[in-house]
Amino acid sequence: MACLSHLAGREVSTWSNEWARQCEVDTLLAMTLPRRLRFLNGSGNPEDGRDGRPLATIRGQAGANSLKADLERMEQILRQRAN
């Protein structure tokens, strides 16, 4: 099955890494900004998921930067679609 990935700019298989990233970005954008920032930057609270660690400690700095870039790109796509 194929679905439209705005990040990829085309239809992609729902089994693909591109679709997984689209879903991850969509999930993060659905969060409130404070919750999203805690997810990305860590909360320091061990009871707040992932032991409160920043995303960069789990995925590495390059992985965290890549996700942040995709979030910014998707926000830009959504702003353009709204206009």
PDB file of N, CA and C in Angstrom:
ATOM      1  N   MET A   1       0.837  -1.177   0.000  1.00  0.00           N
ATOM      2  CA  MET A   1       0.000   0.000   0.000  1.00  0.00           C
ATOM      3  C   MET A   1       0.884   1.243   0.000  1.00  0.00           C
ATOM      4  N   ALA A   2       0.467   2.252  -0.694  1.00  0.00           N
ATOM      5  CA  ALA A   2       1.232   3.491  -0.785  1.00  0.00           C
ATOM      6  C   ALA A   2       0.404   4.649  -0.240  1.00  0.00           C
ATOM      7  N   CYS A   3       1.085   5.575   0.413  1.00  0.00           N
ATOM      8  CA  CYS A   3       0.446   6.786   0.943  1.00  0.00           C
ATOM      9  C   CYS A   3       1.331   7.977   0.610  1.00  0.00           C
ATOM     10  N   LEU A   4       0.717   9.144   0.568  1.00  0.00           N
ATOM     11  CA  LEU A   4       1.458  10.352   0.259  1.00  0.00           C
ATOM     12  C   LEU A   4       2.305  10.780   1.449  1.00  0.00           C
ATOM     13  N   SER A   5       3.590  10.935   1.215  1.00  0.00           N
ATOM     14  CA  SER A   5       4.505  11.485   2.204  1.00  0.00           C
ATOM     15  C   SER A   5       4.840  12.898   1.762  1.00  0.00           C
ATOM     16  N   HIS A   6       4.445  13.869   2.561  1.00  0.00           N
ATOM     17  CA  HIS A   6       4.749  15.260   2.216  1.00  0.00           C
ATOM     18  C   HIS A   6       6.254  15.511   2.276  1.00  0.00           C
ATOM     19  N   LEU A   7       6.930  14.842   3.196  1.00  0.00           N
ATOM     20  CA  LEU A   7       8.381  15.017   3.297  1.00  0.00           C
ATOM     21  C   LEU A   7       9.096  14.480   2.065  1.00  0.00           C
ATOM     22  N   ALA A   8       8.633  13.330   1.570  1.00  0.00           N
ATOM     23  CA  ALA A   8       9.251  12.738   0.383  1.00  0.00           C
ATOM     24  C   ALA A   8       8.751  13.412  -0.896  1.00  0.00           C
ATOM     25  N   GLY A   9       7.584  14.038  -0.825  1.00  0.00           N
ATOM     26  CA  GLY A   9       7.026  14.698  -1.992  1.00  0.00           C
ATOM     27  C   GLY A   9       6.409  13.745  -2.998  1.00  0.00           C
ATOM     28  N   ARG A  10       6.049  12.549  -2.531  1.00  0.00           N
ATOM     29  CA  ARG A  10       5.468  11.547  -3.422  1.00  0.00           C
ATOM     30  C   ARG A  10       4.817  10.452  -2.593  1.00  0.00           C
ATOM     31  N   GLU A  11       4.163   9.535  -3.270  1.00  0.00           N
ATOM     32  CA  GLU A  11       3.624   8.376  -2.579  1.00  0.00           C
ATOM     33  C   GLU A  11       4.758   7.413  -2.259  1.00  0.00           C
ATOM     34  N   VAL A  12       4.704   6.846  -1.065  1.00  0.00           N
ATOM     35  CA  VAL A  12       5.715   5.884  -0.635  1.00  0.00           C
ATOM     36  C   VAL A  12       5.010   4.684  -0.023  1.00  0.00           C
ATOM     37  N   SER A  13       5.696   3.589   0.020  1.00  0.00           N
ATOM     38  CA  SER A  13       5.157   2.383   0.630  1.00  0.00           C
ATOM     39  C   SER A  13       5.010   2.595   2.133  1.00  0.00           C
ATOM     40  N   THR A  14       3.931   2.077   2.690  1.00  0.00           N
ATOM     41  CA  THR A  14       3.737   2.189   4.129  1.00  0.00           C
ATOM     42  C   THR A  14       4.710   1.291   4.892  1.00  0.00           C
ATOM     43  N   TRP A  15       5.489   0.516   4.189  1.00  0.00           N
ATOM     44  CA  TRP A  15       6.528  -0.319   4.805  1.00  0.00           C
ATOM     45  C   TRP A  15       7.894   0.360   4.747  1.00  0.00           C
ATOM     46  N   SER A  16       7.968   1.544   4.166  1.00  0.00           N
ATOM     47  CA  SER A  16       9.269   2.191   3.940  1.00  0.00           C
ATOM     48  C   SER A  16       9.711   3.045   5.121  1.00  0.00           C
ATOM     49  N   ASN A  17      11.004   3.307   5.148  1.00  0.00           N
ATOM     50  CA  ASN A  17      11.563   4.221   6.146  1.00  0.00           C
ATOM     51  C   ASN A  17      11.021   5.629   5.958  1.00  0.00           C
ATOM     52  N   GLU A  18      10.748   6.005   4.717  1.00  0.00           N
ATOM     53  CA  GLU A  18      10.193   7.335   4.452  1.00  0.00           C
ATOM     54  C   GLU A  18       8.831   7.499   5.122  1.00  0.00           C
ATOM     55  N   TRP A  19       8.014   6.456   5.070  1.00  0.00           N
ATOM     56  CA  TRP A  19       6.702   6.533   5.695  1.00  0.00           C
ATOM     57  C   TRP A  19       6.838   6.543   7.218  1.00  0.00           C
ATOM     58  N   ALA A  20       7.754   5.755   7.737  1.00  0.00           N
ATOM     59  CA  ALA A  20       7.981   5.748   9.189  1.00  0.00           C
ATOM     60  C   ALA A  20       8.382   7.144   9.662  1.00  0.00           C
ATOM     61  N   ARG A  21       9.243   7.832   8.907  1.00  0.00           N
ATOM     62  CA  ARG A  21       9.664   9.180   9.288  1.00  0.00           C
ATOM     63  C   ARG A  21       8.492  10.152   9.190  1.00  0.00           C
ATOM     64  N   GLN A  22       7.674  10.025   8.143  1.00  0.00           N
ATOM     65  CA  GLN A  22       6.503  10.900   8.013  1.00  0.00           C
ATOM     66  C   GLN A  22       5.584  10.726   9.222  1.00  0.00           C
ATOM     67  N   CYS A  23       5.357   9.505   9.626  1.00  0.00           N
ATOM     68  CA  CYS A  23       4.489   9.243  10.778  1.00  0.00           C
ATOM     69  C   CYS A  23       5.098   9.798  12.062  1.00  0.00           C
ATOM     70  N   GLU A  24       6.408   9.650  12.213  1.00  0.00           N
ATOM     71  CA  GLU A  24       7.079  10.175  13.402  1.00  0.00           C
ATOM     72  C   GLU A  24       6.959  11.695  13.461  1.00  0.00           C
ATOM     73  N   VAL A  25       7.199  12.352  12.349  1.00  0.00           N
ATOM     74  CA  VAL A  25       7.094  13.814  12.288  1.00  0.00           C
ATOM     75  C   VAL A  25       5.655  14.253  12.547  1.00  0.00           C
ATOM     76  N   ASP A  26       4.687  13.586  11.949  1.00  0.00           N
ATOM     77  CA  ASP A  26       3.283  13.929  12.174  1.00  0.00           C
ATOM     78  C   ASP A  26       2.915  13.780  13.652  1.00  0.00           C
ATOM     79  N   THR A  27       3.398  12.732  14.287  1.00  0.00           N
ATOM     80  CA  THR A  27       3.127  12.508  15.709  1.00  0.00           C
ATOM     81  C   THR A  27       3.718  13.618  16.560  1.00  0.00           C
ATOM     82  N   LEU A  28       4.948  14.003  16.262  1.00  0.00           N
ATOM     83  CA  LEU A  28       5.587  15.076  17.031  1.00  0.00           C
ATOM     84  C   LEU A  28       4.882  16.410  16.816  1.00  0.00           C
ATOM     85  N   LEU A  29       4.443  16.687  15.602  1.00  0.00           N
ATOM     86  CA  LEU A  29       3.751  17.945  15.338  1.00  0.00           C
ATOM     87  C   LEU A  29       2.378  17.989  15.999  1.00  0.00           C
ATOM     88  N   ALA A  30       1.802  16.829  16.276  1.00  0.00           N
ATOM     89  CA  ALA A  30       0.512  16.785  16.966  1.00  0.00           C
ATOM     90  C   ALA A  30       0.656  17.053  18.463  1.00  0.00           C
ATOM     91  N   MET A  31       1.881  16.954  18.981  1.00  0.00           N
ATOM     92  CA  MET A  31       2.126  17.222  20.400  1.00  0.00           C
ATOM     93  C   MET A  31       2.080  18.720  20.660  1.00  0.00           C
ATOM     94  N   THR A  32       1.784  19.073  21.893  1.00  0.00           N
ATOM     95  CA  THR A  32       1.910  20.474  22.276  1.00  0.00           C
ATOM     96  C   THR A  32       3.393  20.839  22.195  1.00  0.00           C
ATOM     97  N   LEU A  33       3.673  22.115  21.986  1.00  0.00           N
ATOM     98  CA  LEU A  33       5.068  22.540  21.865  1.00  0.00           C
ATOM     99  C   LEU A  33       5.892  22.182  23.105  1.00  0.00           C
ATOM    100  N   PRO A  34       5.402  22.407  24.322  1.00  0.00           N
ATOM    101  CA  PRO A  34       6.213  22.024  25.488  1.00  0.00           C
ATOM    102  C   PRO A  34       6.524  20.525  25.525  1.00  0.00           C
ATOM    103  N   ARG A  35       5.556  19.695  25.189  1.00  0.00           N
ATOM    104  CA  ARG A  35       5.788  18.248  25.190  1.00  0.00           C
ATOM    105  C   ARG A  35       6.792  17.859  24.102  1.00  0.00           C
ATOM    106  N   ARG A  36       6.661  18.469  22.927  1.00  0.00           N
ATOM    107  CA  ARG A  36       7.599  18.191  21.832  1.00  0.00           C
ATOM    108  C   ARG A  36       9.024  18.578  22.234  1.00  0.00           C
ATOM    109  N   LEU A  37       9.167  19.725  22.869  1.00  0.00           N
ATOM    110  CA  LEU A  37      10.496  20.165  23.302  1.00  0.00           C
ATOM    111  C   LEU A  37      11.073  19.226  24.352  1.00  0.00           C
ATOM    112  N   ARG A  38      10.230  18.719  25.262  1.00  0.00           N
ATOM    113  CA  ARG A  38      10.713  17.733  26.238  1.00  0.00           C
ATOM    114  C   ARG A  38      11.157  16.460  25.535  1.00  0.00           C
ATOM    115  N   PHE A  39      10.418  16.052  24.505  1.00  0.00           N
ATOM    116  CA  PHE A  39      10.786  14.859  23.744  1.00  0.00           C
ATOM    117  C   PHE A  39      12.149  15.052  23.084  1.00  0.00           C
ATOM    118  N   LEU A  40      12.355  16.213  22.468  1.00  0.00           N
ATOM    119  CA  LEU A  40      13.594  16.462  21.733  1.00  0.00           C
ATOM    120  C   LEU A  40      14.772  16.770  22.650  1.00  0.00           C
ATOM    121  N   ASN A  41      14.538  17.581  23.661  1.00  0.00           N
ATOM    122  CA  ASN A  41      15.632  18.074  24.493  1.00  0.00           C
ATOM    123  C   ASN A  41      15.777  17.355  25.819  1.00  0.00           C
ATOM    124  N   GLY A  42      14.848  16.493  26.134  1.00  0.00           N
ATOM    125  CA  GLY A  42      14.869  15.808  27.415  1.00  0.00           C
ATOM    126  C   GLY A  42      14.269  16.679  28.495  1.00  0.00           C
ATOM    127  N   SER A  43      13.791  16.045  29.523  1.00  0.00           N
ATOM    128  CA  SER A  43      13.152  16.778  30.609  1.00  0.00           C
ATOM    129  C   SER A  43      13.983  16.726  31.871  1.00  0.00           C
ATOM    130  N   GLY A  44      14.922  15.795  31.926  1.00  0.00           N
ATOM    131  CA  GLY A  44      15.668  15.585  33.154  1.00  0.00           C
ATOM    132  C   GLY A  44      14.891  14.766  34.162  1.00  0.00           C
ATOM    133  N   ASN A  45      13.619  14.505  33.875  1.00  0.00           N
ATOM    134  CA  ASN A  45      12.757  13.736  34.769  1.00  0.00           C
ATOM    135  C   ASN A  45      12.734  12.286  34.313  1.00  0.00           C
ATOM    136  N   PRO A  46      13.275  11.372  35.114  1.00  0.00           N
ATOM    137  CA  PRO A  46      13.315   9.961  34.699  1.00  0.00           C
ATOM    138  C   PRO A  46      11.947   9.350  34.441  1.00  0.00           C
ATOM    139  N   GLU A  47      10.890   9.968  34.940  1.00  0.00           N
ATOM    140  CA  GLU A  47       9.558   9.408  34.752  1.00  0.00           C
ATOM    141  C   GLU A  47       8.873   9.954  33.507  1.00  0.00           C
ATOM    142  N   ASP A  48       9.587  10.775  32.734  1.00  0.00           N
ATOM    143  CA  ASP A  48       9.003  11.423  31.566  1.00  0.00           C
ATOM    144  C   ASP A  48       9.465  10.751  30.269  1.00  0.00           C
ATOM    145  N   GLY A  49       9.510   9.444  30.245  1.00  0.00           N
ATOM    146  CA  GLY A  49       9.874   8.711  29.026  1.00  0.00           C
ATOM    147  C   GLY A  49      11.359   8.798  28.720  1.00  0.00           C
ATOM    148  N   ARG A  50      11.909   7.731  28.207  1.00  0.00           N
ATOM    149  CA  ARG A  50      13.329   7.638  27.853  1.00  0.00           C
ATOM    150  C   ARG A  50      14.222   8.108  29.004  1.00  0.00           C
ATOM    151  N   ASP A  51      13.769   7.948  30.224  1.00  0.00           N
ATOM    152  CA  ASP A  51      14.519   8.369  31.408  1.00  0.00           C
ATOM    153  C   ASP A  51      14.812   9.861  31.395  1.00  0.00           C
ATOM    154  N   GLY A  52      14.015  10.632  30.665  1.00  0.00           N
ATOM    155  CA  GLY A  52      14.192  12.082  30.609  1.00  0.00           C
ATOM    156  C   GLY A  52      15.387  12.522  29.803  1.00  0.00           C
ATOM    157  N   ARG A  53      15.984  11.591  29.044  1.00  0.00           N
ATOM    158  CA  ARG A  53      17.185  11.914  28.269  1.00  0.00           C
ATOM    159  C   ARG A  53      16.837  12.654  26.985  1.00  0.00           C
ATOM    160  N   PRO A  54      17.739  13.524  26.527  1.00  0.00           N
ATOM    161  CA  PRO A  54      17.541  14.176  25.225  1.00  0.00           C
ATOM    162  C   PRO A  54      17.604  13.144  24.097  1.00  0.00           C
ATOM    163  N   LEU A  55      16.926  13.440  23.004  1.00  0.00           N
ATOM    164  CA  LEU A  55      16.916  12.548  21.857  1.00  0.00           C
ATOM    165  C   LEU A  55      18.329  12.296  21.327  1.00  0.00           C
ATOM    166  N   ALA A  56      19.196  13.301  21.401  1.00  0.00           N
ATOM    167  CA  ALA A  56      20.565  13.155  20.886  1.00  0.00           C
ATOM    168  C   ALA A  56      21.347  12.077  21.628  1.00  0.00           C
ATOM    169  N   THR A  57      21.025  11.815  22.880  1.00  0.00           N
ATOM    170  CA  THR A  57      21.743  10.763  23.608  1.00  0.00           C
ATOM    171  C   THR A  57      21.293   9.380  23.169  1.00  0.00           C
ATOM    172  N   ILE A  58      20.144   9.308  22.524  1.00  0.00           N
ATOM    173  CA  ILE A  58      19.614   8.020  22.084  1.00  0.00           C
ATOM    174  C   ILE A  58      19.947   7.764  20.613  1.00  0.00           C
ATOM    175  N   ARG A  59      19.741   8.766  19.765  1.00  0.00           N
ATOM    176  CA  ARG A  59      19.952   8.603  18.319  1.00  0.00           C
ATOM    177  C   ARG A  59      21.261   9.190  17.830  1.00  0.00           C
ATOM    178  N   GLY A  60      21.972   9.860  18.701  1.00  0.00           N
ATOM    179  CA  GLY A  60      23.175  10.572  18.283  1.00  0.00           C
ATOM    180  C   GLY A  60      22.788  11.964  17.799  1.00  0.00           C
ATOM    181  N   GLN A  61      23.762  12.852  17.791  1.00  0.00           N
ATOM    182  CA  GLN A  61      23.475  14.233  17.412  1.00  0.00           C
ATOM    183  C   GLN A  61      22.991  14.339  15.973  1.00  0.00           C
ATOM    184  N   ALA A  62      23.588  13.559  15.078  1.00  0.00           N
ATOM    185  CA  ALA A  62      23.176  13.612  13.667  1.00  0.00           C
ATOM    186  C   ALA A  62      21.722  13.155  13.511  1.00  0.00           C
ATOM    187  N   GLY A  63      21.326  12.103  14.218  1.00  0.00           N
ATOM    188  CA  GLY A  63      19.945  11.616  14.142  1.00  0.00           C
ATOM    189  C   GLY A  63      18.952  12.626  14.697  1.00  0.00           C
ATOM    190  N   ALA A  64      19.311  13.252  15.813  1.00  0.00           N
ATOM    191  CA  ALA A  64      18.438  14.270  16.400  1.00  0.00           C
ATOM    192  C   ALA A  64      18.328  15.479  15.476  1.00  0.00           C
ATOM    193  N   ASN A  65      19.454  15.901  14.906  1.00  0.00           N
ATOM    194  CA  ASN A  65      19.439  17.045  13.986  1.00  0.00           C
ATOM    195  C   ASN A  65      18.605  16.749  12.750  1.00  0.00           C
ATOM    196  N   SER A  66      18.679  15.529  12.256  1.00  0.00           N
ATOM    197  CA  SER A  66      17.911  15.129  11.080  1.00  0.00           C
ATOM    198  C   SER A  66      16.412  15.194  11.366  1.00  0.00           C
ATOM    199  N   LEU A  67      16.008  14.708  12.523  1.00  0.00           N
ATOM    200  CA  LEU A  67      14.588  14.750  12.886  1.00  0.00           C
ATOM    201  C   LEU A  67      14.133  16.195  13.062  1.00  0.00           C
ATOM    202  N   LYS A  68      14.930  17.017  13.706  1.00  0.00           N
ATOM    203  CA  LYS A  68      14.573  18.426  13.880  1.00  0.00           C
ATOM    204  C   LYS A  68      14.445  19.131  12.529  1.00  0.00           C
ATOM    205  N   ALA A  69      15.332  18.813  11.608  1.00  0.00           N
ATOM    206  CA  ALA A  69      15.262  19.409  10.267  1.00  0.00           C
ATOM    207  C   ALA A  69      13.978  18.982   9.555  1.00  0.00           C
ATOM    208  N   ASP A  70      13.605  17.713   9.688  1.00  0.00           N
ATOM    209  CA  ASP A  70      12.368  17.239   9.072  1.00  0.00           C
ATOM    210  C   ASP A  70      11.145  17.893   9.715  1.00  0.00           C
ATOM    211  N   LEU A  71      11.194  18.124  11.019  1.00  0.00           N
ATOM    212  CA  LEU A  71      10.095  18.826  11.686  1.00  0.00           C
ATOM    213  C   LEU A  71       9.945  20.238  11.135  1.00  0.00           C
ATOM    214  N   GLU A  72      11.049  20.942  11.006  1.00  0.00           N
ATOM    215  CA  GLU A  72      11.010  22.306  10.468  1.00  0.00           C
ATOM    216  C   GLU A  72      10.505  22.311   9.034  1.00  0.00           C
ATOM    217  N   ARG A  73      10.961  21.339   8.258  1.00  0.00           N
ATOM    218  CA  ARG A  73      10.533  21.245   6.859  1.00  0.00           C
ATOM    219  C   ARG A  73       9.037  20.970   6.760  1.00  0.00           C
ATOM    220  N   MET A  74       8.535  20.078   7.602  1.00  0.00           N
ATOM    221  CA  MET A  74       7.108  19.758   7.573  1.00  0.00           C
ATOM    222  C   MET A  74       6.287  20.949   8.037  1.00  0.00           C
ATOM    223  N   GLU A  75       6.758  21.687   9.024  1.00  0.00           N
ATOM    224  CA  GLU A  75       6.054  22.900   9.449  1.00  0.00           C
ATOM    225  C   GLU A  75       5.971  23.898   8.296  1.00  0.00           C
ATOM    226  N   GLN A  76       7.047  24.014   7.528  1.00  0.00           N
ATOM    227  CA  GLN A  76       7.061  24.926   6.378  1.00  0.00           C
ATOM    228  C   GLN A  76       6.057  24.449   5.309  1.00  0.00           C
ATOM    229  N   ILE A  77       6.021  23.163   5.050  1.00  0.00           N
ATOM    230  CA  ILE A  77       5.072  22.591   4.092  1.00  0.00           C
ATOM    231  C   ILE A  77       3.638  22.889   4.531  1.00  0.00           C
ATOM    232  N   LEU A  78       3.363  22.712   5.803  1.00  0.00           N
ATOM    233  CA  LEU A  78       2.013  22.958   6.317  1.00  0.00           C
ATOM    234  C   LEU A  78       1.648  24.430   6.233  1.00  0.00           C
ATOM    235  N   ARG A  79       2.605  25.317   6.501  1.00  0.00           N
ATOM    236  CA  ARG A  79       2.336  26.757   6.374  1.00  0.00           C
ATOM    237  C   ARG A  79       2.024  27.121   4.929  1.00  0.00           C
ATOM    238  N   GLN A  80       2.769  26.551   3.978  1.00  0.00           N
ATOM    239  CA  GLN A  80       2.546  26.842   2.562  1.00  0.00           C
ATOM    240  C   GLN A  80       1.178  26.323   2.124  1.00  0.00           C
ATOM    241  N   ARG A  81       0.779  25.187   2.613  1.00  0.00           N
ATOM    242  CA  ARG A  81      -0.522  24.616   2.251  1.00  0.00           C
ATOM    243  C   ARG A  81      -1.658  25.436   2.825  1.00  0.00           C
ATOM    244  N   ALA A  82      -1.419  26.101   3.958  1.00  0.00           N
ATOM    245  CA  ALA A  82      -2.465  26.906   4.599  1.00  0.00           C
ATOM    246  C   ALA A  82      -2.690  28.216   3.868  1.00  0.00           C
ATOM    247  N   ASN A  83      -1.700  28.686   3.129  1.00  0.00           N
ATOM    248  CA  ASN A  83      -1.828  29.968   2.419  1.00  0.00           C
ATOM    249  C   ASN A  83      -2.444  29.820   1.064  1.00  0.00           C
TER     250      ASN A  83
END
